[in-house]
Amino acid sequence: MVEKLWVISLGGSRIVPDDVDEKFLEDFKKLILSHPSNKFVIVTGGGSTARRYISALRDLKKGIRDQSLAGIAITRLHSGFMARFFGAPANEIIPKNMVKVKNLLHGNQVVFCGGLRYRKNNTSDGTAAKLAAYLKAPFINLTNVKGLYSADPRKDKRAKFIRKITWKDFDKVASKIKFKAGQHFVLDQSAAKVILKKKIPTYIVGSLTDLGKIVEGKKFEGTLVEG
């Protein structure tokens, strides 16, 4: 019997920070497969790889749509890579719509996908949030920082860690950031809107240890967006 379905947004920066992080991916796979009574939909981001192509298209005077489509292509490349890496417990076909994602859950413990289709002002985090709403599942964003801060902790030493924030207040924070293709924030504006509207319990964490604790219902180090 399945205990729970989770939607995870796996940042491209965790898959390929500079080169493919094989140690992290081995540990990630081991953690996911150690919870066989749970199912997971894992939406892969594009990370710095996508941002390189997006930046080049921006310099070449290409529009937002072209930039975003390049980013989506990289997220799908990453999802295909992850599905092949996981093997039998995961899907072989990379879905391009939410119905296909749901159908693939019937025969797989883990379903990987990237961006499903082009939407204005949206990233893979927005896709993951929409899937969480569609599948009525909690949402975990596994990124490369501990959680949400009052400012970018890599640039501002005075940045304060935010352990818990309401859906409404999180939406206010996200809405202050101007969208651009390939943006780098813990969750995008589109995701924040969906989380608020659908009241999705959302977790933002930076470590596999804390990801495991969330799945197991234990206390974790990270940010909870709820209430």
C-alpha atoms as a PDB file:
ATOM      1  CA  MET A   1       0.000   0.000   0.000  1.00  0.00           C
ATOM      2  CA  VAL A   2       1.348   3.422  -0.946  1.00  0.00           C
ATOM      3  CA  GLU A   3       1.829   5.699   2.059  1.00  0.00           C
ATOM      4  CA  LYS A   4       2.104   8.947   0.153  1.00  0.00           C
ATOM      5  CA  LEU A   5       2.741  10.616  -3.174  1.00  0.00           C
ATOM      6  CA  TRP A   6       5.301  13.428  -3.269  1.00  0.00           C
ATOM      7  CA  VAL A   7       6.175  15.943  -5.978  1.00  0.00           C
ATOM      8  CA  ILE A   8       9.830  16.991  -5.877  1.00  0.00           C
ATOM      9  CA  SER A   9      11.422  19.809  -7.822  1.00  0.00           C
ATOM     10  CA  LEU A  10      15.046  18.747  -8.315  1.00  0.00           C
ATOM     11  CA  GLY A  11      17.110  21.774  -9.228  1.00  0.00           C
ATOM     12  CA  GLY A  12      19.394  21.464 -12.219  1.00  0.00           C
ATOM     13  CA  SER A  13      22.115  22.927 -10.000  1.00  0.00           C
ATOM     14  CA  ARG A  14      21.988  19.706  -7.959  1.00  0.00           C
ATOM     15  CA  ILE A  15      22.255  17.474 -11.024  1.00  0.00           C
ATOM     16  CA  VAL A  16      24.999  19.426 -12.831  1.00  0.00           C
ATOM     17  CA  PRO A  17      26.578  22.090 -10.598  1.00  0.00           C
ATOM     18  CA  ASP A  18      29.599  22.232 -12.949  1.00  0.00           C
ATOM     19  CA  ASP A  19      29.970  18.614 -13.958  1.00  0.00           C
ATOM     20  CA  VAL A  20      27.438  15.856 -13.273  1.00  0.00           C
ATOM     21  CA  ASP A  21      27.450  15.326  -9.496  1.00  0.00           C
ATOM     22  CA  GLU A  22      27.613  11.539  -9.498  1.00  0.00           C
ATOM     23  CA  LYS A  23      28.006  11.212  -5.715  1.00  0.00           C
ATOM     24  CA  PHE A  24      24.918  13.344  -5.043  1.00  0.00           C
ATOM     25  CA  LEU A  25      22.890  11.456  -7.643  1.00  0.00           C
ATOM     26  CA  GLU A  26      23.862   8.071  -6.194  1.00  0.00           C
ATOM     27  CA  ASP A  27      22.835   9.266  -2.729  1.00  0.00           C
ATOM     28  CA  PHE A  28      19.601  10.765  -4.092  1.00  0.00           C
ATOM     29  CA  LYS A  29      18.670   7.520  -5.821  1.00  0.00           C
ATOM     30  CA  LYS A  30      19.454   5.498  -2.701  1.00  0.00           C
ATOM     31  CA  LEU A  31      17.264   7.781  -0.570  1.00  0.00           C
ATOM     32  CA  ILE A  32      14.279   7.713  -2.944  1.00  0.00           C
ATOM     33  CA  LEU A  33      14.386   3.947  -3.387  1.00  0.00           C
ATOM     34  CA  SER A  34      14.676   3.420   0.381  1.00  0.00           C
ATOM     35  CA  HIS A  35      11.010   4.503   0.625  1.00  0.00           C
ATOM     36  CA  PRO A  36       9.317   1.860  -1.552  1.00  0.00           C
ATOM     37  CA  SER A  37       5.863   2.470  -0.062  1.00  0.00           C
ATOM     38  CA  ASN A  38       5.946   6.062  -1.335  1.00  0.00           C
ATOM     39  CA  LYS A  39       5.707   7.306  -4.916  1.00  0.00           C
ATOM     40  CA  PHE A  40       7.534  10.301  -6.347  1.00  0.00           C
ATOM     41  CA  VAL A  41       7.065  12.649  -9.264  1.00  0.00           C
ATOM     42  CA  ILE A  42      10.405  14.387  -9.781  1.00  0.00           C
ATOM     43  CA  VAL A  43      10.528  17.492 -11.958  1.00  0.00           C
ATOM     44  CA  THR A  44      14.066  18.280 -13.085  1.00  0.00           C
ATOM     45  CA  GLY A  45      15.273  21.850 -13.548  1.00  0.00           C
ATOM     46  CA  GLY A  46      17.705  23.199 -16.106  1.00  0.00           C
ATOM     47  CA  GLY A  47      20.193  24.858 -13.752  1.00  0.00           C
ATOM     48  CA  SER A  48      23.287  26.621 -15.035  1.00  0.00           C
ATOM     49  CA  THR A  49      23.257  24.519 -18.214  1.00  0.00           C
ATOM     50  CA  ALA A  50      19.922  26.011 -19.238  1.00  0.00           C
ATOM     51  CA  ARG A  51      20.991  29.479 -18.139  1.00  0.00           C
ATOM     52  CA  ARG A  52      24.011  29.361 -20.478  1.00  0.00           C
ATOM     53  CA  TYR A  53      21.811  28.722 -23.507  1.00  0.00           C
ATOM     54  CA  ILE A  54      19.187  31.209 -22.353  1.00  0.00           C
ATOM     55  CA  SER A  55      21.855  33.875 -21.849  1.00  0.00           C
ATOM     56  CA  ALA A  56      23.223  33.241 -25.331  1.00  0.00           C
ATOM     57  CA  LEU A  57      19.771  33.558 -26.887  1.00  0.00           C
ATOM     58  CA  ARG A  58      19.185  36.749 -24.913  1.00  0.00           C
ATOM     59  CA  ASP A  59      22.477  38.178 -26.224  1.00  0.00           C
ATOM     60  CA  LEU A  60      21.429  37.159 -29.728  1.00  0.00           C
ATOM     61  CA  LYS A  61      18.248  39.227 -29.306  1.00  0.00           C
ATOM     62  CA  LYS A  62      15.904  36.242 -29.212  1.00  0.00           C
ATOM     63  CA  GLY A  63      12.625  36.651 -27.337  1.00  0.00           C
ATOM     64  CA  ILE A  64      11.418  35.210 -24.042  1.00  0.00           C
ATOM     65  CA  ARG A  65       9.559  32.363 -25.756  1.00  0.00           C
ATOM     66  CA  ASP A  66      12.684  31.136 -27.544  1.00  0.00           C
ATOM     67  CA  GLN A  67      14.693  31.466 -24.332  1.00  0.00           C
ATOM     68  CA  SER A  68      12.095  29.526 -22.356  1.00  0.00           C
ATOM     69  CA  LEU A  69      11.819  26.749 -24.958  1.00  0.00           C
ATOM     70  CA  ALA A  70      15.593  26.271 -24.798  1.00  0.00           C
ATOM     71  CA  GLY A  71      15.327  25.990 -21.008  1.00  0.00           C
ATOM     72  CA  ILE A  72      12.492  23.445 -21.290  1.00  0.00           C
ATOM     73  CA  ALA A  73      14.610  21.348 -23.650  1.00  0.00           C
ATOM     74  CA  ILE A  74      17.403  21.171 -21.067  1.00  0.00           C
ATOM     75  CA  THR A  75      14.973  20.213 -18.267  1.00  0.00           C
ATOM     76  CA  ARG A  76      13.760  17.334 -20.450  1.00  0.00           C
ATOM     77  CA  LEU A  77      17.355  16.308 -21.169  1.00  0.00           C
ATOM     78  CA  HIS A  78      17.949  16.162 -17.421  1.00  0.00           C
ATOM     79  CA  SER A  79      14.766  14.169 -16.794  1.00  0.00           C
ATOM     80  CA  GLY A  80      15.728  11.644 -19.463  1.00  0.00           C
ATOM     81  CA  PHE A  81      19.185  11.316 -17.954  1.00  0.00           C
ATOM     82  CA  MET A  82      17.723  10.775 -14.470  1.00  0.00           C
ATOM     83  CA  ALA A  83      15.187   8.206 -15.693  1.00  0.00           C
ATOM     84  CA  ARG A  84      17.946   6.215 -17.403  1.00  0.00           C
ATOM     85  CA  PHE A  85      20.107   6.510 -14.297  1.00  0.00           C
ATOM     86  CA  PHE A  86      17.329   5.201 -12.012  1.00  0.00           C
ATOM     87  CA  GLY A  87      16.386   2.380 -14.365  1.00  0.00           C
ATOM     88  CA  ALA A  88      13.490  -0.024 -13.691  1.00  0.00           C
ATOM     89  CA  PRO A  89      11.749   1.809 -10.802  1.00  0.00           C
ATOM     90  CA  ALA A  90      11.366   4.885 -13.025  1.00  0.00           C
ATOM     91  CA  ASN A  91       9.610   5.711 -16.276  1.00  0.00           C
ATOM     92  CA  GLU A  92      11.265   5.192 -19.664  1.00  0.00           C
ATOM     93  CA  ILE A  93       9.091   7.711 -21.521  1.00  0.00           C
ATOM     94  CA  ILE A  94       9.408  11.385 -20.554  1.00  0.00           C
ATOM     95  CA  PRO A  95       5.855  12.788 -20.284  1.00  0.00           C
ATOM     96  CA  LYS A  96       4.862  16.138 -21.757  1.00  0.00           C
ATOM     97  CA  ASN A  97       1.513  16.625 -20.021  1.00  0.00           C
ATOM     98  CA  MET A  98       0.035  16.100 -16.557  1.00  0.00           C
ATOM     99  CA  VAL A  99      -2.334  13.310 -17.610  1.00  0.00           C
ATOM    100  CA  LYS A 100       0.622  11.263 -18.864  1.00  0.00           C
ATOM    101  CA  VAL A 101       2.490  11.893 -15.600  1.00  0.00           C
ATOM    102  CA  LYS A 102      -0.497  10.573 -13.634  1.00  0.00           C
ATOM    103  CA  ASN A 103      -0.871   7.530 -15.877  1.00  0.00           C
ATOM    104  CA  LEU A 104       2.820   6.654 -15.530  1.00  0.00           C
ATOM    105  CA  LEU A 105       2.429   6.522 -11.739  1.00  0.00           C
ATOM    106  CA  HIS A 106       0.345   3.366 -12.126  1.00  0.00           C
ATOM    107  CA  GLY A 107       3.353   1.335 -13.205  1.00  0.00           C
ATOM    108  CA  ASN A 108       6.309   3.191 -11.703  1.00  0.00           C
ATOM    109  CA  GLN A 109       7.446   4.198  -8.229  1.00  0.00           C
ATOM    110  CA  VAL A 110       9.255   7.218  -9.663  1.00  0.00           C
ATOM    111  CA  VAL A 111       8.188   9.412 -12.574  1.00  0.00           C
ATOM    112  CA  PHE A 112      10.639  11.951 -13.970  1.00  0.00           C
ATOM    113  CA  CYS A 113       9.660  14.878 -16.140  1.00  0.00           C
ATOM    114  CA  GLY A 114      10.981  18.273 -17.134  1.00  0.00           C
ATOM    115  CA  GLY A 115       9.022  21.249 -18.371  1.00  0.00           C
ATOM    116  CA  LEU A 116       5.728  20.014 -19.792  1.00  0.00           C
ATOM    117  CA  ARG A 117       4.924  22.847 -22.184  1.00  0.00           C
ATOM    118  CA  TYR A 118       5.627  26.509 -22.705  1.00  0.00           C
ATOM    119  CA  ARG A 119       3.796  28.879 -20.391  1.00  0.00           C
ATOM    120  CA  LYS A 120       4.536  32.547 -20.065  1.00  0.00           C
ATOM    121  CA  ASN A 121       6.485  33.466 -16.899  1.00  0.00           C
ATOM    122  CA  ASN A 122       6.951  29.869 -15.754  1.00  0.00           C
ATOM    123  CA  THR A 123       9.870  27.594 -14.785  1.00  0.00           C
ATOM    124  CA  SER A 124      10.223  23.960 -13.751  1.00  0.00           C
ATOM    125  CA  ASP A 125       9.257  24.975 -10.198  1.00  0.00           C
ATOM    126  CA  GLY A 126       5.959  26.292 -11.546  1.00  0.00           C
ATOM    127  CA  THR A 127       5.457  23.010 -13.400  1.00  0.00           C
ATOM    128  CA  ALA A 128       6.130  21.062 -10.204  1.00  0.00           C
ATOM    129  CA  ALA A 129       3.674  23.196  -8.218  1.00  0.00           C
ATOM    130  CA  LYS A 130       0.966  22.664 -10.845  1.00  0.00           C
ATOM    131  CA  LEU A 131       1.602  18.913 -10.752  1.00  0.00           C
ATOM    132  CA  ALA A 132       1.362  18.930  -6.953  1.00  0.00           C
ATOM    133  CA  ALA A 133      -2.006  20.672  -7.236  1.00  0.00           C
ATOM    134  CA  TYR A 134      -3.210  18.300  -9.967  1.00  0.00           C
ATOM    135  CA  LEU A 135      -2.075  15.185  -8.079  1.00  0.00           C
ATOM    136  CA  LYS A 136      -3.129  16.579  -4.659  1.00  0.00           C
ATOM    137  CA  ALA A 137       0.363  15.933  -3.285  1.00  0.00           C
ATOM    138  CA  PRO A 138       2.736  17.896  -1.024  1.00  0.00           C
ATOM    139  CA  PHE A 139       5.556  19.681  -2.798  1.00  0.00           C
ATOM    140  CA  ILE A 140       9.281  19.549  -1.948  1.00  0.00           C
ATOM    141  CA  ASN A 141      11.781  21.887  -3.574  1.00  0.00           C
ATOM    142  CA  LEU A 142      15.286  20.425  -3.313  1.00  0.00           C
ATOM    143  CA  THR A 143      17.637  23.273  -4.094  1.00  0.00           C
ATOM    144  CA  ASN A 144      21.246  24.276  -3.322  1.00  0.00           C
ATOM    145  CA  VAL A 145      20.512  26.447  -0.264  1.00  0.00           C
ATOM    146  CA  LYS A 146      19.099  25.439   3.131  1.00  0.00           C
ATOM    147  CA  GLY A 147      15.760  27.112   2.507  1.00  0.00           C
ATOM    148  CA  LEU A 148      14.265  30.580   2.174  1.00  0.00           C
ATOM    149  CA  TYR A 149      16.257  33.593   3.352  1.00  0.00           C
ATOM    150  CA  SER A 150      15.402  37.268   3.645  1.00  0.00           C
ATOM    151  CA  ALA A 151      18.099  37.896   0.995  1.00  0.00           C
ATOM    152  CA  ASP A 152      20.548  35.818  -1.060  1.00  0.00           C
ATOM    153  CA  PRO A 153      22.805  34.279   1.647  1.00  0.00           C
ATOM    154  CA  ARG A 154      25.649  33.916  -0.860  1.00  0.00           C
ATOM    155  CA  LYS A 155      25.708  37.666  -1.398  1.00  0.00           C
ATOM    156  CA  ASP A 156      24.429  39.078   1.900  1.00  0.00           C
ATOM    157  CA  LYS A 157      25.903  37.824   5.177  1.00  0.00           C
ATOM    158  CA  ARG A 158      23.073  39.526   7.063  1.00  0.00           C
ATOM    159  CA  ALA A 159      20.445  37.401   5.309  1.00  0.00           C
ATOM    160  CA  LYS A 160      18.108  35.770   7.831  1.00  0.00           C
ATOM    161  CA  PHE A 161      16.903  32.206   7.490  1.00  0.00           C
ATOM    162  CA  ILE A 162      13.114  31.843   7.394  1.00  0.00           C
ATOM    163  CA  ARG A 163      12.003  28.579   8.971  1.00  0.00           C
ATOM    164  CA  LYS A 164       8.260  28.967   8.338  1.00  0.00           C
ATOM    165  CA  ILE A 165       6.198  31.331   6.197  1.00  0.00           C
ATOM    166  CA  THR A 166       2.547  31.492   5.194  1.00  0.00           C
ATOM    167  CA  TRP A 167       1.403  30.891   1.623  1.00  0.00           C
ATOM    168  CA  LYS A 168       0.282  34.523   1.404  1.00  0.00           C
ATOM    169  CA  ASP A 169       3.550  35.975   2.689  1.00  0.00           C
ATOM    170  CA  PHE A 170       5.615  33.707   0.463  1.00  0.00           C
ATOM    171  CA  ASP A 171       3.613  34.856  -2.535  1.00  0.00           C
ATOM    172  CA  LYS A 172       4.384  38.467  -1.579  1.00  0.00           C
ATOM    173  CA  VAL A 173       8.130  37.716  -1.460  1.00  0.00           C
ATOM    174  CA  ALA A 174       8.123  35.885  -4.804  1.00  0.00           C
ATOM    175  CA  SER A 175       6.012  38.555  -6.492  1.00  0.00           C
ATOM    176  CA  LYS A 176       8.652  41.217  -5.823  1.00  0.00           C
ATOM    177  CA  ILE A 177      11.092  39.462  -8.142  1.00  0.00           C
ATOM    178  CA  LYS A 178      10.823  40.339 -11.814  1.00  0.00           C
ATOM    179  CA  PHE A 179      10.537  37.210 -13.963  1.00  0.00           C
ATOM    180  CA  LYS A 180      13.175  36.301 -16.507  1.00  0.00           C
ATOM    181  CA  ALA A 181      13.814  33.006 -18.272  1.00  0.00           C
ATOM    182  CA  GLY A 182      16.300  30.885 -16.331  1.00  0.00           C
ATOM    183  CA  GLN A 183      15.837  32.900 -13.141  1.00  0.00           C
ATOM    184  CA  HIS A 184      17.439  31.592  -9.952  1.00  0.00           C
ATOM    185  CA  PHE A 185      15.210  31.855  -6.871  1.00  0.00           C
ATOM    186  CA  VAL A 186      14.067  29.151  -4.448  1.00  0.00           C
ATOM    187  CA  LEU A 187      10.625  29.080  -6.125  1.00  0.00           C
ATOM    188  CA  ASP A 188       9.257  31.155  -8.965  1.00  0.00           C
ATOM    189  CA  GLN A 189       6.293  33.531  -8.956  1.00  0.00           C
ATOM    190  CA  SER A 190       4.082  31.091 -10.839  1.00  0.00           C
ATOM    191  CA  ALA A 191       4.766  28.357  -8.289  1.00  0.00           C
ATOM    192  CA  ALA A 192       4.016  30.731  -5.417  1.00  0.00           C
ATOM    193  CA  LYS A 193       0.632  31.631  -6.948  1.00  0.00           C
ATOM    194  CA  VAL A 194      -0.351  27.984  -7.370  1.00  0.00           C
ATOM    195  CA  ILE A 195       0.808  27.091  -3.849  1.00  0.00           C
ATOM    196  CA  LEU A 196      -1.277  29.931  -2.416  1.00  0.00           C
ATOM    197  CA  LYS A 197      -4.386  29.226  -4.487  1.00  0.00           C
ATOM    198  CA  LYS A 198      -4.376  25.451  -3.939  1.00  0.00           C
ATOM    199  CA  LYS A 199      -3.024  25.567  -0.356  1.00  0.00           C
ATOM    200  CA  ILE A 200      -0.224  23.110  -1.091  1.00  0.00           C
ATOM    201  CA  PRO A 201       2.071  22.166   1.832  1.00  0.00           C
ATOM    202  CA  THR A 202       5.492  23.129   0.491  1.00  0.00           C
ATOM    203  CA  TYR A 203       8.977  22.341   1.766  1.00  0.00           C
ATOM    204  CA  ILE A 204      12.197  24.051   0.677  1.00  0.00           C
ATOM    205  CA  VAL A 205      15.381  22.165   1.636  1.00  0.00           C
ATOM    206  CA  GLY A 206      18.997  21.932   0.576  1.00  0.00           C
ATOM    207  CA  SER A 207      20.104  18.523   1.840  1.00  0.00           C
ATOM    208  CA  LEU A 208      19.197  14.905   1.197  1.00  0.00           C
ATOM    209  CA  THR A 209      19.146  14.291   4.938  1.00  0.00           C
ATOM    210  CA  ASP A 210      16.334  16.813   5.333  1.00  0.00           C
ATOM    211  CA  LEU A 211      14.526  15.501   2.275  1.00  0.00           C
ATOM    212  CA  GLY A 212      14.483  12.080   3.936  1.00  0.00           C
ATOM    213  CA  LYS A 213      13.226  13.540   7.200  1.00  0.00           C
ATOM    214  CA  ILE A 214      10.309  15.221   5.432  1.00  0.00           C
ATOM    215  CA  VAL A 215       9.261  11.984   3.741  1.00  0.00           C
ATOM    216  CA  GLU A 216       9.506  10.195   7.092  1.00  0.00           C
ATOM    217  CA  GLY A 217       7.499  12.886   8.903  1.00  0.00           C
ATOM    218  CA  LYS A 218      10.409  13.980  11.093  1.00  0.00           C
ATOM    219  CA  LYS A 219      11.675  17.429  12.084  1.00  0.00           C
ATOM    220  CA  PHE A 220      13.844  18.922   9.348  1.00  0.00           C
ATOM    221  CA  GLU A 221      16.103  21.898   8.661  1.00  0.00           C
ATOM    222  CA  GLY A 222      14.533  23.963   5.923  1.00  0.00           C
ATOM    223  CA  THR A 223      11.533  26.158   5.193  1.00  0.00           C
ATOM    224  CA  LEU A 224       7.889  25.141   5.477  1.00  0.00           C
ATOM    225  CA  VAL A 225       5.375  27.149   3.435  1.00  0.00           C
ATOM    226  CA  GLU A 226       1.932  26.541   4.889  1.00  0.00           C
ATOM    227  CA  GLY A 227      -1.048  28.176   6.564  1.00  0.00           C
END
